[in-house]
Amino acid sequence: MPTALLTHPTSTTRTEAGGAAPRRLNVCHVSMSLLTGGLERLLVEFGKFHDSARYNLRFVALTELGPPAEDLRKLGFQVDAMCLARNGKRAAYRRLKEILVDEQIDIIHTHNTCPQFYGAFAAWQTKIPCILNTQHGRGSGPRLKDQIMFMIANRFTRRVVGVSNDSARLCQEQDRGSAHKIIAIQNGIDSTRFAYTGPTDANVAISVARLSPEKDFPTLLRATKLAAQSVPDFRLRLVGDGAERKGLETLSRELGIADRVEFLGERSDIPSLLAQAGFYVSSSKTEGISLTVLEAMAVGLPVVTTAVGGNPEIVAEGTTGHLVPPQNPEALAQAIVEMCGKRSTWNGMGRAARERIEQQFEIRTMIRQYERLYEELLGVRS
């Protein structure tokens, strides 16, 4: 099974003419968008915690910009949108190549399949020495088109990183010809942003995510109805927005649980909201590594989540929470009822969860691993 990169060979970097001291290396991160989401939040963390003495970052989105782009600009980074839908594929691709050449990019770091496809070819044509891609979900995507694009782009990519061991394994299965290029670097969070508070002493669960199909909130709502039969005071708070919100609100009314489910919408005070809950719950059908699960554990919440993607790498069954099969309201309800019945264990589980985050899922460790990978790839080329 793939493991996170931990070694860091000495690398030789390019220097300015005349033997001057090595200049900072220019890294261009390319993503599909810079709208609200876990991937986009990670890019902001790259901006905050990269080694600024060695690396100069800039960011490109193939489509739209949103709050994360503004966060990056406030940090002093240049951010551009290629506006793929409006400008067309050729114009977007041409503009991306111009940026890579004009700004003397040394390293192009793409995020997910479509940006990898555009970025790898642009980097190859402009002779950029280091081409790296991170797959943030489970593999390249479910569509055959995505898998074909992934396999083609991998031929021009030096390394592909899965954000969990599960993600890297699936990427290797989808492109066995490039399996030797694929490794894992587990996602991390800034644990200092999430002060340890521990759980509240109330049967209140919280879930934080974009309200989209892969998060499978209908299963969570159905599980809530079942759990409430055994735990009358159980309450659920949903934080996030998305295309499915109206349908989910309708479903909660149809299930007769509208009085125990609170839709809070998109919020900026996530640490405070997490601190008001007894435990965290997630019903996702697919995950790379869930940043919101990591954040809940950093606050000190026990977790009930589906055993998909990298979740089993995060949650230690019985120690920091419980894992259940996906798309199974009955199993999820049973785990919720069990959690509510063992409130005396919540504080111990929460302390173990916080310790696990600090030891294994800290954002600074993750970014140092990526920077060592940059050094390795540039050193091999040199």
Protein backbone atom coordinates (compact mmCIF):
# COMPACT_ATOMS: atom_id res chain seq x y z
CA MET A 1 0.00 0.00 0.00
CA PRO A 2 1.31 3.52 -0.78
CA THR A 3 2.74 5.48 2.09
CA ALA A 4 3.43 9.17 2.62
CA LEU A 5 6.75 10.45 1.35
CA LEU A 6 9.11 10.88 4.29
CA THR A 7 12.60 11.02 2.76
CA HIS A 8 14.14 14.10 1.19
CA PRO A 9 17.18 13.65 -1.05
CA THR A 10 19.44 16.65 -1.48
CA SER A 11 18.51 18.56 -4.62
CA THR A 12 20.31 20.97 -6.91
CA THR A 13 18.30 24.07 -7.81
CA ARG A 14 18.81 26.54 -10.61
CA THR A 15 20.75 29.72 -9.84
CA GLU A 16 20.89 33.18 -11.31
CA ALA A 17 23.55 33.93 -13.92
CA GLY A 18 27.00 34.78 -12.64
CA GLY A 19 26.98 32.37 -9.70
CA ALA A 20 24.66 34.43 -7.52
CA ALA A 21 22.85 32.79 -4.60
CA PRO A 22 19.99 30.51 -5.63
CA ARG A 23 16.80 32.40 -6.31
CA ARG A 24 13.45 31.40 -4.93
CA LEU A 25 11.75 28.72 -6.99
CA ASN A 26 8.52 29.72 -8.69
CA VAL A 27 5.62 27.34 -8.07
CA CYS A 28 2.33 27.60 -9.96
CA HIS A 29 -0.68 25.85 -8.42
CA VAL A 30 -3.40 25.06 -10.98
CA SER A 31 -6.89 24.06 -9.84
CA MET A 32 -10.28 23.81 -11.52
CA SER A 33 -11.69 26.67 -9.46
CA LEU A 34 -11.02 28.70 -6.33
CA LEU A 35 -14.53 28.47 -4.93
CA THR A 36 -15.39 27.26 -1.42
CA GLY A 37 -14.31 23.66 -0.83
CA GLY A 38 -11.74 21.44 0.84
CA LEU A 39 -9.24 21.49 -2.03
CA GLU A 40 -9.44 25.26 -2.25
CA ARG A 41 -8.92 25.62 1.50
CA LEU A 42 -5.78 23.52 1.21
CA LEU A 43 -4.44 25.90 -1.44
CA VAL A 44 -4.90 28.80 0.98
CA GLU A 45 -2.96 26.78 3.56
CA PHE A 46 -0.16 26.30 1.02
CA GLY A 47 -0.05 30.08 0.80
CA LYS A 48 0.12 30.50 4.57
CA PHE A 49 2.63 27.82 5.47
CA HIS A 50 4.98 27.32 2.51
CA ASP A 51 8.69 28.04 2.93
CA SER A 52 8.67 31.62 1.65
CA ALA A 53 12.46 31.83 1.77
CA ARG A 54 12.70 29.12 -0.91
CA TYR A 55 9.43 29.21 -2.85
CA ASN A 56 7.39 31.90 -4.55
CA LEU A 57 3.79 30.83 -5.18
CA ARG A 58 1.13 31.91 -7.65
CA PHE A 59 -2.31 30.43 -8.32
CA VAL A 60 -4.36 29.75 -11.44
CA ALA A 61 -7.98 28.55 -11.63
CA LEU A 62 -9.30 27.17 -14.92
CA THR A 63 -12.83 28.41 -14.18
CA GLU A 64 -14.17 30.63 -11.40
CA LEU A 65 -12.85 32.47 -8.37
CA GLY A 66 -14.45 32.80 -4.96
CA PRO A 67 -13.59 33.49 -1.29
CA PRO A 68 -10.40 31.36 -1.29
CA ALA A 69 -9.04 33.48 -4.14
CA GLU A 70 -9.63 36.62 -2.07
CA ASP A 71 -7.91 34.99 0.91
CA LEU A 72 -4.87 34.27 -1.27
CA ARG A 73 -4.80 37.82 -2.62
CA LYS A 74 -4.93 39.18 0.92
CA LEU A 75 -1.85 37.06 1.63
CA GLY A 76 -0.11 38.82 -1.28
CA PHE A 77 -0.37 36.17 -4.01
CA GLN A 78 -1.26 36.68 -7.63
CA VAL A 79 -4.38 34.76 -8.63
CA ASP A 80 -5.80 34.38 -12.14
CA ALA A 81 -8.90 32.74 -13.60
CA MET A 82 -8.74 31.29 -17.11
CA CYS A 83 -12.56 31.48 -17.44
CA LEU A 84 -12.58 28.27 -19.44
CA ALA A 85 -16.30 28.27 -20.24
CA ARG A 86 -16.33 31.86 -21.50
CA ASN A 87 -12.94 32.10 -23.22
CA GLY A 88 -12.77 28.59 -24.64
CA LYS A 89 -10.24 25.82 -24.21
CA ARG A 90 -7.62 27.12 -26.65
CA ALA A 91 -7.55 30.61 -25.20
CA ALA A 92 -7.34 29.28 -21.65
CA TYR A 93 -4.54 26.90 -22.58
CA ARG A 94 -2.63 29.65 -24.41
CA ARG A 95 -2.95 32.00 -21.43
CA LEU A 96 -1.73 29.29 -19.04
CA LYS A 97 1.38 28.75 -21.16
CA GLU A 98 2.03 32.50 -21.21
CA ILE A 99 1.96 32.61 -17.42
CA LEU A 100 4.36 29.68 -17.14
CA VAL A 101 6.85 31.31 -19.52
CA ASP A 102 6.52 34.94 -18.46
CA GLU A 103 6.89 34.13 -14.76
CA GLN A 104 9.70 31.58 -15.20
CA ILE A 105 7.79 28.84 -13.41
CA ASP A 106 10.02 26.04 -12.11
CA ILE A 107 7.33 23.79 -10.66
CA ILE A 108 3.74 23.32 -11.81
CA HIS A 109 1.56 21.69 -9.18
CA THR A 110 -1.86 20.73 -10.53
CA HIS A 111 -4.86 19.57 -8.52
CA ASN A 112 -7.17 16.86 -9.92
CA THR A 113 -7.60 15.45 -13.39
CA CYS A 114 -8.74 18.30 -15.65
CA PRO A 115 -6.15 20.81 -14.33
CA GLN A 116 -3.53 18.06 -14.61
CA PHE A 117 -4.45 17.48 -18.26
CA TYR A 118 -4.12 21.17 -19.15
CA GLY A 119 -1.19 21.86 -16.84
CA ALA A 120 0.95 18.85 -17.74
CA PHE A 121 0.81 19.59 -21.48
CA ALA A 122 1.42 23.30 -20.95
CA ALA A 123 4.39 22.53 -18.69
CA TRP A 124 5.80 19.96 -21.10
CA GLN A 125 5.57 22.39 -24.02
CA THR A 126 7.24 25.16 -22.04
CA LYS A 127 9.94 22.80 -20.72
CA ILE A 128 9.15 23.17 -17.03
CA PRO A 129 11.38 20.70 -15.14
CA CYS A 130 8.96 19.70 -12.36
CA ILE A 131 5.40 18.58 -13.11
CA LEU A 132 3.42 17.32 -10.12
CA ASN A 133 -0.27 16.48 -9.67
CA THR A 134 -2.38 15.85 -6.56
CA GLN A 135 -5.59 13.81 -6.77
CA HIS A 136 -7.83 15.04 -3.96
CA GLY A 137 -10.62 12.50 -4.31
CA ARG A 138 -10.67 8.76 -4.81
CA GLY A 139 -8.67 8.31 -7.99
CA SER A 140 -9.16 10.22 -11.22
CA GLY A 141 -12.95 10.29 -11.17
CA PRO A 142 -15.80 7.95 -12.08
CA ARG A 143 -16.16 8.82 -15.78
CA LEU A 144 -14.25 6.96 -18.48
CA LYS A 145 -13.30 10.36 -19.96
CA ASP A 146 -11.64 11.36 -16.68
CA GLN A 147 -9.69 8.11 -16.48
CA ILE A 148 -8.45 8.47 -20.07
CA MET A 149 -7.38 12.08 -19.44
CA PHE A 150 -5.63 10.95 -16.25
CA MET A 151 -3.71 8.18 -18.03
CA ILE A 152 -2.61 10.51 -20.84
CA ALA A 153 -1.58 13.33 -18.49
CA ASN A 154 0.38 10.91 -16.30
CA ARG A 155 2.78 10.29 -19.19
CA PHE A 156 3.90 13.93 -18.87
CA THR A 157 3.74 14.14 -15.06
CA ARG A 158 6.73 13.40 -12.82
CA ARG A 159 4.73 12.44 -9.71
CA VAL A 160 1.07 11.90 -8.82
CA VAL A 161 0.10 12.25 -5.17
CA GLY A 162 -2.99 10.76 -3.57
CA VAL A 163 -4.23 12.55 -0.45
CA SER A 164 -4.64 9.21 1.33
CA ASN A 165 -3.22 5.74 0.98
CA ASP A 166 -6.60 4.66 -0.39
CA SER A 167 -6.57 7.43 -2.99
CA ALA A 168 -3.03 6.55 -4.13
CA ARG A 169 -3.91 2.85 -4.34
CA LEU A 170 -6.94 3.58 -6.50
CA CYS A 171 -4.90 5.87 -8.77
CA GLN A 172 -2.39 3.06 -9.24
CA GLU A 173 -5.17 0.65 -10.17
CA GLN A 174 -6.59 3.11 -12.69
CA ASP A 175 -3.22 3.59 -14.41
CA ARG A 176 -0.95 0.63 -13.77
CA GLY A 177 1.53 1.92 -16.34
CA SER A 178 2.21 4.95 -14.12
CA ALA A 179 1.91 3.16 -10.77
CA HIS A 180 5.60 3.77 -10.02
CA LYS A 181 4.97 7.54 -10.13
CA ILE A 182 2.08 7.49 -7.66
CA ILE A 183 2.61 8.05 -3.92
CA ALA A 184 0.58 9.22 -0.94
CA ILE A 185 0.89 12.36 1.15
CA GLN A 186 -1.98 12.54 3.62
CA ASN A 187 -3.90 15.78 3.90
CA GLY A 188 -3.45 17.91 7.00
CA ILE A 189 -5.01 20.90 8.74
CA ASP A 190 -3.79 23.82 10.81
CA SER A 191 -4.49 22.39 14.26
CA THR A 192 -3.65 25.74 15.90
CA ARG A 193 -6.76 27.23 14.26
CA PHE A 194 -8.94 24.69 16.07
CA ALA A 195 -8.44 25.06 19.79
CA TYR A 196 -9.20 21.93 21.77
CA THR A 197 -12.53 22.34 23.58
CA GLY A 198 -13.80 18.79 23.77
CA PRO A 199 -17.44 17.77 23.26
CA THR A 200 -20.45 19.44 24.86
CA ASP A 201 -22.60 17.25 27.09
CA ALA A 202 -25.58 17.15 24.73
CA ASN A 203 -26.87 14.78 22.06
CA VAL A 204 -26.10 17.27 19.31
CA ALA A 205 -24.26 16.13 16.19
CA ILE A 206 -22.77 18.44 13.58
CA SER A 207 -21.83 17.87 9.95
CA VAL A 208 -19.90 20.36 7.81
CA ALA A 209 -19.78 19.93 4.03
CA ARG A 210 -20.91 21.24 0.70
CA LEU A 211 -24.51 20.09 0.16
CA SER A 212 -23.72 17.96 -2.87
CA PRO A 213 -24.61 14.40 -3.95
CA GLU A 214 -21.35 12.73 -2.92
CA LYS A 215 -21.91 13.81 0.70
CA ASP A 216 -25.15 11.76 0.72
CA PHE A 217 -27.08 13.89 3.21
CA PRO A 218 -30.36 12.03 2.44
CA THR A 219 -28.84 9.00 4.18
CA LEU A 220 -27.93 11.16 7.18
CA LEU A 221 -31.46 12.60 7.39
CA ARG A 222 -33.00 9.14 7.23
CA ALA A 223 -30.57 7.95 9.91
CA THR A 224 -31.59 10.93 12.05
CA LYS A 225 -35.25 9.89 11.85
CA LEU A 226 -34.34 6.35 12.92
CA ALA A 227 -32.00 7.48 15.70
CA ALA A 228 -34.60 9.86 17.13
CA GLN A 229 -36.86 6.92 17.90
CA SER A 230 -34.32 5.76 20.52
CA VAL A 231 -32.83 9.16 21.40
CA PRO A 232 -35.70 11.70 21.55
CA ASP A 233 -33.40 14.64 22.35
CA PHE A 234 -31.01 14.01 19.42
CA ARG A 235 -30.41 17.08 17.25
CA LEU A 236 -28.48 17.53 13.99
CA ARG A 237 -26.82 20.73 12.74
CA LEU A 238 -25.81 20.93 9.07
CA VAL A 239 -23.23 23.55 8.06
CA GLY A 240 -22.76 24.28 4.37
CA ASP A 241 -24.64 25.23 1.25
CA GLY A 242 -25.09 23.86 -2.22
CA ALA A 243 -27.48 22.82 -4.95
CA GLU A 244 -29.11 20.12 -2.80
CA ARG A 245 -30.11 22.36 0.10
CA LYS A 246 -33.72 22.95 -0.97
CA GLY A 247 -34.29 19.25 -1.60
CA LEU A 248 -32.76 18.32 1.75
CA GLU A 249 -34.95 20.81 3.60
CA THR A 250 -37.97 19.32 1.84
CA LEU A 251 -36.87 15.78 2.77
CA SER A 252 -36.44 16.74 6.44
CA ARG A 253 -40.04 17.98 6.48
CA GLU A 254 -41.31 14.86 4.74
CA LEU A 255 -39.49 12.68 7.29
CA GLY A 256 -41.01 14.67 10.14
CA ILE A 257 -37.65 15.76 11.55
CA ALA A 258 -37.60 19.44 10.55
CA ASP A 259 -37.78 20.38 14.24
CA ARG A 260 -34.56 18.51 15.04
CA VAL A 261 -32.45 19.37 11.93
CA GLU A 262 -30.95 22.86 11.64
CA PHE A 263 -29.59 24.10 8.30
CA LEU A 264 -27.00 26.78 9.12
CA GLY A 265 -25.79 27.51 5.58
CA GLU A 266 -22.24 28.50 4.73
CA ARG A 267 -20.42 29.86 7.78
CA SER A 268 -17.00 31.29 8.56
CA ASP A 269 -17.04 30.43 12.28
CA ILE A 270 -16.55 26.66 11.90
CA PRO A 271 -14.29 26.21 14.99
CA SER A 272 -16.90 27.88 17.19
CA LEU A 273 -19.73 25.78 15.74
CA LEU A 274 -17.77 22.55 16.20
CA ALA A 275 -17.16 23.47 19.84
CA GLN A 276 -20.93 23.58 20.40
CA ALA A 277 -21.49 19.94 19.38
CA GLY A 278 -21.28 16.64 21.19
CA PHE A 279 -19.91 14.68 18.23
CA TYR A 280 -19.34 14.90 14.49
CA VAL A 281 -21.18 12.84 11.86
CA SER A 282 -20.57 12.30 8.14
CA SER A 283 -22.47 10.22 5.58
CA SER A 284 -20.23 10.70 2.52
CA LYS A 285 -20.28 8.13 -0.29
CA THR A 286 -16.74 9.03 -1.31
CA GLU A 287 -13.79 10.92 0.20
CA GLY A 288 -10.11 11.49 -0.35
CA ILE A 289 -9.36 12.60 3.18
CA SER A 290 -12.10 14.68 4.79
CA LEU A 291 -10.74 17.98 6.08
CA THR A 292 -13.91 18.58 8.10
CA VAL A 293 -13.46 15.27 9.93
CA LEU A 294 -9.88 16.32 10.72
CA GLU A 295 -11.11 19.70 11.97
CA ALA A 296 -13.75 18.10 14.19
CA MET A 297 -11.13 15.78 15.68
CA ALA A 298 -8.80 18.75 16.28
CA VAL A 299 -11.52 20.41 18.36
CA GLY A 300 -11.85 17.18 20.30
CA LEU A 301 -15.06 15.68 18.96
CA PRO A 302 -15.71 11.95 18.62
CA VAL A 303 -16.63 11.06 15.04
CA VAL A 304 -19.23 8.84 13.40
CA THR A 305 -18.46 8.52 9.70
CA THR A 306 -18.68 6.24 6.71
CA ALA A 307 -15.75 3.91 6.05
CA VAL A 308 -14.97 5.33 2.61
CA GLY A 309 -11.77 6.63 1.05
CA GLY A 310 -9.25 7.84 3.60
CA ASN A 311 -11.71 7.96 6.53
CA PRO A 312 -10.44 4.65 8.02
CA GLU A 313 -6.94 6.19 7.98
CA ILE A 314 -8.21 9.07 10.12
CA VAL A 315 -10.69 7.54 12.53
CA ALA A 316 -9.47 4.80 14.87
CA GLU A 317 -12.49 2.57 15.43
CA GLY A 318 -13.58 2.60 19.05
CA THR A 319 -10.79 5.01 20.03
CA THR A 320 -11.68 8.25 18.26
CA GLY A 321 -15.07 7.29 16.83
CA HIS A 322 -17.02 4.77 14.79
CA LEU A 323 -16.96 3.75 11.12
CA VAL A 324 -20.06 2.53 9.27
CA PRO A 325 -20.76 1.34 5.72
CA PRO A 326 -21.90 4.03 3.24
CA GLN A 327 -25.47 4.49 1.99
CA ASN A 328 -26.84 2.57 4.97
CA PRO A 329 -29.21 4.68 7.13
CA GLU A 330 -29.80 1.80 9.56
CA ALA A 331 -26.09 1.29 10.30
CA LEU A 332 -25.50 5.03 10.63
CA ALA A 333 -28.50 5.39 12.97
CA GLN A 334 -27.25 2.51 15.10
CA ALA A 335 -23.83 4.17 15.45
CA ILE A 336 -25.46 7.49 16.38
CA VAL A 337 -27.60 5.79 19.03
CA GLU A 338 -24.56 3.98 20.39
CA MET A 339 -22.60 7.22 20.54
CA CYS A 340 -25.42 9.00 22.35
CA GLY A 341 -25.61 6.15 24.85
CA LYS A 342 -21.94 6.45 25.81
CA ARG A 343 -21.48 10.12 26.63
CA SER A 344 -19.07 9.17 29.40
CA THR A 345 -16.56 8.12 26.71
CA TRP A 346 -16.75 11.31 24.65
CA ASN A 347 -14.02 13.25 26.47
CA GLY A 348 -11.54 10.39 26.20
CA MET A 349 -12.30 9.90 22.52
CA GLY A 350 -11.98 13.63 21.93
CA ARG A 351 -8.55 13.80 23.58
CA ALA A 352 -7.38 10.82 21.52
CA ALA A 353 -8.72 12.49 18.38
CA ARG A 354 -6.81 15.72 19.06
CA GLU A 355 -3.59 13.81 19.73
CA ARG A 356 -4.00 11.89 16.48
CA ILE A 357 -4.35 15.12 14.50
CA GLU A 358 -1.27 16.68 16.05
CA GLN A 359 0.84 13.57 15.43
CA GLN A 360 -0.30 12.58 11.93
CA PHE A 361 -2.36 15.26 10.17
CA GLU A 362 -0.70 18.64 10.75
CA ILE A 363 -0.69 20.99 7.73
CA ARG A 364 2.92 22.08 8.22
CA THR A 365 4.10 18.47 8.02
CA MET A 366 2.08 17.93 4.85
CA ILE A 367 3.50 21.00 3.12
CA ARG A 368 7.08 20.12 4.10
CA GLN A 369 6.55 16.71 2.48
CA TYR A 370 5.45 18.38 -0.75
CA GLU A 371 8.43 20.73 -0.66
CA ARG A 372 10.80 17.83 -0.16
CA LEU A 373 9.16 16.18 -3.17
CA TYR A 374 9.80 19.34 -5.22
CA GLU A 375 13.46 19.14 -4.20
CA GLU A 376 13.65 15.47 -5.07
CA LEU A 377 12.20 15.96 -8.54
CA LEU A 378 14.37 18.95 -9.36
CA GLY A 379 17.43 17.18 -7.96
CA VAL A 380 16.84 14.08 -10.05
CA ARG A 381 16.56 16.23 -13.16
CA SER A 382 19.72 18.13 -12.30
